Amino acid sequence: MGRLGPLEITIIVLVLLLLFGGKKIPELMRGLGSGMKEFKKAASGEGDDQSTPQNPSK
């Protein structure tokens, strides 16, 4: 399999527009972006409760 050229990318974009419509695509991309952000945060260990030491004296 070769790399995607400009013609193939154009065809994929047109098919996505036909399937989802112009209004739905920004919502899908926003959801994809937030999902990737959460995945990166989880992979780097940010916000992980187990990695922070807990203070049992309180």
PDB file of N, CA and C in Angstrom:
ATOM      1  N   MET A   1       0.835  -1.174   0.000  1.00  0.00           N
ATOM      2  CA  MET A   1       0.000   0.000   0.000  1.00  0.00           C
ATOM      3  C   MET A   1       0.881   1.239   0.000  1.00  0.00           C
ATOM      4  N   GLY A   2       0.529   2.157  -0.849  1.00  0.00           N
ATOM      5  CA  GLY A   2       1.284   3.391  -0.942  1.00  0.00           C
ATOM      6  C   GLY A   2       0.734   4.459  -0.028  1.00  0.00           C
ATOM      7  N   ARG A   3       1.314   5.600  -0.142  1.00  0.00           N
ATOM      8  CA  ARG A   3       0.866   6.733   0.666  1.00  0.00           C
ATOM      9  C   ARG A   3      -0.359   7.372   0.031  1.00  0.00           C
ATOM     10  N   LEU A   4      -1.096   8.113   0.843  1.00  0.00           N
ATOM     11  CA  LEU A   4      -2.278   8.801   0.345  1.00  0.00           C
ATOM     12  C   LEU A   4      -1.862  10.069  -0.382  1.00  0.00           C
ATOM     13  N   GLY A   5      -2.348  10.213  -1.578  1.00  0.00           N
ATOM     14  CA  GLY A   5      -2.079  11.410  -2.356  1.00  0.00           C
ATOM     15  C   GLY A   5      -3.203  12.416  -2.195  1.00  0.00           C
ATOM     16  N   PRO A   6      -3.079  13.563  -2.847  1.00  0.00           N
ATOM     17  CA  PRO A   6      -4.107  14.598  -2.727  1.00  0.00           C
ATOM     18  C   PRO A   6      -5.473  14.152  -3.258  1.00  0.00           C
ATOM     19  N   LEU A   7      -5.490  13.336  -4.295  1.00  0.00           N
ATOM     20  CA  LEU A   7      -6.760  12.860  -4.853  1.00  0.00           C
ATOM     21  C   LEU A   7      -7.477  11.944  -3.871  1.00  0.00           C
ATOM     22  N   GLU A   8      -6.746  11.049  -3.242  1.00  0.00           N
ATOM     23  CA  GLU A   8      -7.357  10.133  -2.285  1.00  0.00           C
ATOM     24  C   GLU A   8      -7.891  10.880  -1.063  1.00  0.00           C
ATOM     25  N   ILE A   9      -7.133  11.864  -0.589  1.00  0.00           N
ATOM     26  CA  ILE A   9      -7.577  12.645   0.564  1.00  0.00           C
ATOM     27  C   ILE A   9      -8.848  13.424   0.213  1.00  0.00           C
ATOM     28  N   THR A  10      -8.899  13.986  -0.991  1.00  0.00           N
ATOM     29  CA  THR A  10     -10.086  14.716  -1.437  1.00  0.00           C
ATOM     30  C   THR A  10     -11.296  13.804  -1.493  1.00  0.00           C
ATOM     31  N   ILE A  11     -11.116  12.603  -1.993  1.00  0.00           N
ATOM     32  CA  ILE A  11     -12.230  11.647  -2.076  1.00  0.00           C
ATOM     33  C   ILE A  11     -12.720  11.270  -0.678  1.00  0.00           C
ATOM     34  N   ILE A  12     -11.799  11.056   0.251  1.00  0.00           N
ATOM     35  CA  ILE A  12     -12.173  10.705   1.626  1.00  0.00           C
ATOM     36  C   ILE A  12     -12.953  11.840   2.276  1.00  0.00           C
ATOM     37  N   VAL A  13     -12.504  13.084   2.072  1.00  0.00           N
ATOM     38  CA  VAL A  13     -13.202  14.237   2.645  1.00  0.00           C
ATOM     39  C   VAL A  13     -14.600  14.370   2.056  1.00  0.00           C
ATOM     40  N   LEU A  14     -14.737  14.167   0.762  1.00  0.00           N
ATOM     41  CA  LEU A  14     -16.055  14.250   0.130  1.00  0.00           C
ATOM     42  C   LEU A  14     -16.996  13.168   0.649  1.00  0.00           C
ATOM     43  N   VAL A  15     -16.498  11.963   0.836  1.00  0.00           N
ATOM     44  CA  VAL A  15     -17.327  10.878   1.366  1.00  0.00           C
ATOM     45  C   VAL A  15     -17.766  11.194   2.794  1.00  0.00           C
ATOM     46  N   LEU A  16     -16.847  11.742   3.612  1.00  0.00           N
ATOM     47  CA  LEU A  16     -17.211  12.122   4.978  1.00  0.00           C
ATOM     48  C   LEU A  16     -18.282  13.208   4.985  1.00  0.00           C
ATOM     49  N   LEU A  17     -18.164  14.178   4.083  1.00  0.00           N
ATOM     50  CA  LEU A  17     -19.185  15.223   3.995  1.00  0.00           C
ATOM     51  C   LEU A  17     -20.534  14.647   3.602  1.00  0.00           C
ATOM     52  N   LEU A  18     -20.535  13.690   2.690  1.00  0.00           N
ATOM     53  CA  LEU A  18     -21.793  13.076   2.277  1.00  0.00           C
ATOM     54  C   LEU A  18     -22.407  12.244   3.403  1.00  0.00           C
ATOM     55  N   LEU A  19     -21.581  11.549   4.159  1.00  0.00           N
ATOM     56  CA  LEU A  19     -22.092  10.682   5.223  1.00  0.00           C
ATOM     57  C   LEU A  19     -22.596  11.471   6.425  1.00  0.00           C
ATOM     58  N   PHE A  20     -21.825  12.459   6.870  1.00  0.00           N
ATOM     59  CA  PHE A  20     -22.134  13.129   8.125  1.00  0.00           C
ATOM     60  C   PHE A  20     -22.725  14.522   7.962  1.00  0.00           C
ATOM     61  N   GLY A  21     -22.486  15.167   6.861  1.00  0.00           N
ATOM     62  CA  GLY A  21     -22.982  16.526   6.673  1.00  0.00           C
ATOM     63  C   GLY A  21     -22.034  17.551   7.273  1.00  0.00           C
ATOM     64  N   GLY A  22     -22.174  18.790   6.862  1.00  0.00           N
ATOM     65  CA  GLY A  22     -21.267  19.846   7.287  1.00  0.00           C
ATOM     66  C   GLY A  22     -21.407  20.250   8.737  1.00  0.00           C
ATOM     67  N   LYS A  23     -22.575  20.068   9.331  1.00  0.00           N
ATOM     68  CA  LYS A  23     -22.786  20.494  10.713  1.00  0.00           C
ATOM     69  C   LYS A  23     -22.259  19.478  11.721  1.00  0.00           C
ATOM     70  N   LYS A  24     -22.249  18.224  11.362  1.00  0.00           N
ATOM     71  CA  LYS A  24     -21.877  17.170  12.302  1.00  0.00           C
ATOM     72  C   LYS A  24     -20.350  16.987  12.399  1.00  0.00           C
ATOM     73  N   ILE A  25     -19.612  17.303  11.350  1.00  0.00           N
ATOM     74  CA  ILE A  25     -18.165  17.059  11.327  1.00  0.00           C
ATOM     75  C   ILE A  25     -17.426  17.842  12.417  1.00  0.00           C
ATOM     76  N   PRO A  26     -17.705  19.147  12.639  1.00  0.00           N
ATOM     77  CA  PRO A  26     -16.998  19.841  13.734  1.00  0.00           C
ATOM     78  C   PRO A  26     -17.245  19.212  15.101  1.00  0.00           C
ATOM     79  N   GLU A  27     -18.457  18.719  15.334  1.00  0.00           N
ATOM     80  CA  GLU A  27     -18.748  18.049  16.608  1.00  0.00           C
ATOM     81  C   GLU A  27     -17.932  16.769  16.741  1.00  0.00           C
ATOM     82  N   LEU A  28     -17.816  16.018  15.657  1.00  0.00           N
ATOM     83  CA  LEU A  28     -17.032  14.782  15.688  1.00  0.00           C
ATOM     84  C   LEU A  28     -15.560  15.074  15.940  1.00  0.00           C
ATOM     85  N   MET A  29     -15.022  16.107  15.295  1.00  0.00           N
ATOM     86  CA  MET A  29     -13.611  16.449  15.470  1.00  0.00           C
ATOM     87  C   MET A  29     -13.349  16.964  16.886  1.00  0.00           C
ATOM     88  N   ARG A  30     -14.298  17.713  17.455  1.00  0.00           N
ATOM     89  CA  ARG A  30     -14.163  18.202  18.826  1.00  0.00           C
ATOM     90  C   ARG A  30     -14.115  17.028  19.794  1.00  0.00           C
ATOM     91  N   GLY A  31     -14.980  16.047  19.582  1.00  0.00           N
ATOM     92  CA  GLY A  31     -14.991  14.860  20.431  1.00  0.00           C
ATOM     93  C   GLY A  31     -13.719  14.051  20.289  1.00  0.00           C
ATOM     94  N   LEU A  32     -13.218  13.959  19.067  1.00  0.00           N
ATOM     95  CA  LEU A  32     -11.966  13.240  18.832  1.00  0.00           C
ATOM     96  C   LEU A  32     -10.809  13.946  19.525  1.00  0.00           C
ATOM     97  N   GLY A  33     -10.787  15.270  19.450  1.00  0.00           N
ATOM     98  CA  GLY A  33      -9.725  16.036  20.091  1.00  0.00           C
ATOM     99  C   GLY A  33      -9.744  15.898  21.603  1.00  0.00           C
ATOM    100  N   SER A  34     -10.918  15.955  22.188  1.00  0.00           N
ATOM    101  CA  SER A  34     -10.996  15.815  23.651  1.00  0.00           C
ATOM    102  C   SER A  34     -10.632  14.393  24.073  1.00  0.00           C
ATOM    103  N   GLY A  35     -10.987  13.418  23.268  1.00  0.00           N
ATOM    104  CA  GLY A  35     -10.603  12.041  23.578  1.00  0.00           C
ATOM    105  C   GLY A  35      -9.097  11.846  23.520  1.00  0.00           C
ATOM    106  N   MET A  36      -8.458  12.453  22.527  1.00  0.00           N
ATOM    107  CA  MET A  36      -6.998  12.357  22.425  1.00  0.00           C
ATOM    108  C   MET A  36      -6.319  13.066  23.587  1.00  0.00           C
ATOM    109  N   LYS A  37      -6.890  14.197  24.016  1.00  0.00           N
ATOM    110  CA  LYS A  37      -6.321  14.941  25.143  1.00  0.00           C
ATOM    111  C   LYS A  37      -6.399  14.104  26.416  1.00  0.00           C
ATOM    112  N   GLU A  38      -7.545  13.444  26.647  1.00  0.00           N
ATOM    113  CA  GLU A  38      -7.693  12.596  27.826  1.00  0.00           C
ATOM    114  C   GLU A  38      -6.750  11.401  27.774  1.00  0.00           C
ATOM    115  N   PHE A  39      -6.560  10.835  26.585  1.00  0.00           N
ATOM    116  CA  PHE A  39      -5.655   9.698  26.435  1.00  0.00           C
ATOM    117  C   PHE A  39      -4.219  10.106  26.738  1.00  0.00           C
ATOM    118  N   LYS A  40      -3.794  11.256  26.226  1.00  0.00           N
ATOM    119  CA  LYS A  40      -2.433  11.727  26.490  1.00  0.00           C
ATOM    120  C   LYS A  40      -2.235  12.021  27.970  1.00  0.00           C
ATOM    121  N   LYS A  41      -3.264  12.598  28.599  1.00  0.00           N
ATOM    122  CA  LYS A  41      -3.180  12.903  30.024  1.00  0.00           C
ATOM    123  C   LYS A  41      -3.056  11.609  30.831  1.00  0.00           C
ATOM    124  N   ALA A  42      -3.832  10.604  30.469  1.00  0.00           N
ATOM    125  CA  ALA A  42      -3.776   9.326  31.179  1.00  0.00           C
ATOM    126  C   ALA A  42      -2.454   8.614  30.926  1.00  0.00           C
ATOM    127  N   ALA A  43      -1.932   8.731  29.710  1.00  0.00           N
ATOM    128  CA  ALA A  43      -0.677   8.060  29.380  1.00  0.00           C
ATOM    129  C   ALA A  43       0.502   8.709  30.099  1.00  0.00           C
ATOM    130  N   SER A  44       0.451  10.032  30.294  1.00  0.00           N
ATOM    131  CA  SER A  44       1.562  10.710  30.956  1.00  0.00           C
ATOM    132  C   SER A  44       1.453  10.629  32.473  1.00  0.00           C
ATOM    133  N   GLY A  45       0.293  10.244  32.988  1.00  0.00           N
ATOM    134  CA  GLY A  45       0.115  10.076  34.421  1.00  0.00           C
ATOM    135  C   GLY A  45      -0.389  11.308  35.126  1.00  0.00           C
ATOM    136  N   GLU A  46      -0.791  12.342  34.388  1.00  0.00           N
ATOM    137  CA  GLU A  46      -1.333  13.541  35.023  1.00  0.00           C
ATOM    138  C   GLU A  46      -2.685  13.209  35.653  1.00  0.00           C
ATOM    139  N   GLY A  47      -2.906  13.735  36.833  1.00  0.00           N
ATOM    140  CA  GLY A  47      -4.184  13.528  37.507  1.00  0.00           C
ATOM    141  C   GLY A  47      -4.346  12.132  38.072  1.00  0.00           C
ATOM    142  N   ASP A  48      -3.277  11.390  38.140  1.00  0.00           N
ATOM    143  CA  ASP A  48      -3.335  10.033  38.669  1.00  0.00           C
ATOM    144  C   ASP A  48      -3.296  10.089  40.195  1.00  0.00           C
ATOM    145  N   ASP A  49      -4.357   9.649  40.851  1.00  0.00           N
ATOM    146  CA  ASP A  49      -4.459   9.735  42.299  1.00  0.00           C
ATOM    147  C   ASP A  49      -3.467   8.802  42.997  1.00  0.00           C
ATOM    148  N   GLN A  50      -3.100   7.714  42.394  1.00  0.00           N
ATOM    149  CA  GLN A  50      -2.228   6.743  43.042  1.00  0.00           C
ATOM    150  C   GLN A  50      -0.783   7.204  43.060  1.00  0.00           C
ATOM    151  N   SER A  51      -0.361   8.074  42.130  1.00  0.00           N
ATOM    152  CA  SER A  51       1.025   8.485  42.085  1.00  0.00           C
ATOM    153  C   SER A  51       1.335   9.606  43.081  1.00  0.00           C
ATOM    154  N   THR A  52       0.325  10.308  43.574  1.00  0.00           N
ATOM    155  CA  THR A  52       0.564  11.377  44.538  1.00  0.00           C
ATOM    156  C   THR A  52       0.518  10.810  45.953  1.00  0.00           C
ATOM    157  N   PRO A  53       1.464  11.202  46.795  1.00  0.00           N
ATOM    158  CA  PRO A  53       1.432  10.677  48.175  1.00  0.00           C
ATOM    159  C   PRO A  53       0.265  11.283  48.947  1.00  0.00           C
ATOM    160  N   GLN A  54      -0.356  10.444  49.746  1.00  0.00           N
ATOM    161  CA  GLN A  54      -1.491  10.891  50.532  1.00  0.00           C
ATOM    162  C   GLN A  54      -1.034  11.186  51.939  1.00  0.00           C
ATOM    163  N   ASN A  55      -1.668  12.178  52.560  1.00  0.00           N
ATOM    164  CA  ASN A  55      -1.316  12.577  53.910  1.00  0.00           C
ATOM    165  C   ASN A  55      -2.305  11.932  54.881  1.00  0.00           C
ATOM    166  N   PRO A  56      -1.910  10.852  55.578  1.00  0.00           N
ATOM    167  CA  PRO A  56      -2.855  10.143  56.460  1.00  0.00           C
ATOM    168  C   PRO A  56      -3.062  10.857  57.801  1.00  0.00           C
ATOM    169  N   SER A  57      -2.304  11.933  58.096  1.00  0.00           N
ATOM    170  CA  SER A  57      -2.433  12.583  59.395  1.00  0.00           C
ATOM    171  C   SER A  57      -3.677  13.435  59.498  1.00  0.00           C
ATOM    172  N   LYS A  58      -4.359  13.743  58.415  1.00  0.00           N
ATOM    173  CA  LYS A  58      -5.554  14.590  58.482  1.00  0.00           C
ATOM    174  C   LYS A  58      -6.802  13.810  58.727  1.00  0.00           C
TER     175      LYS A  58
END
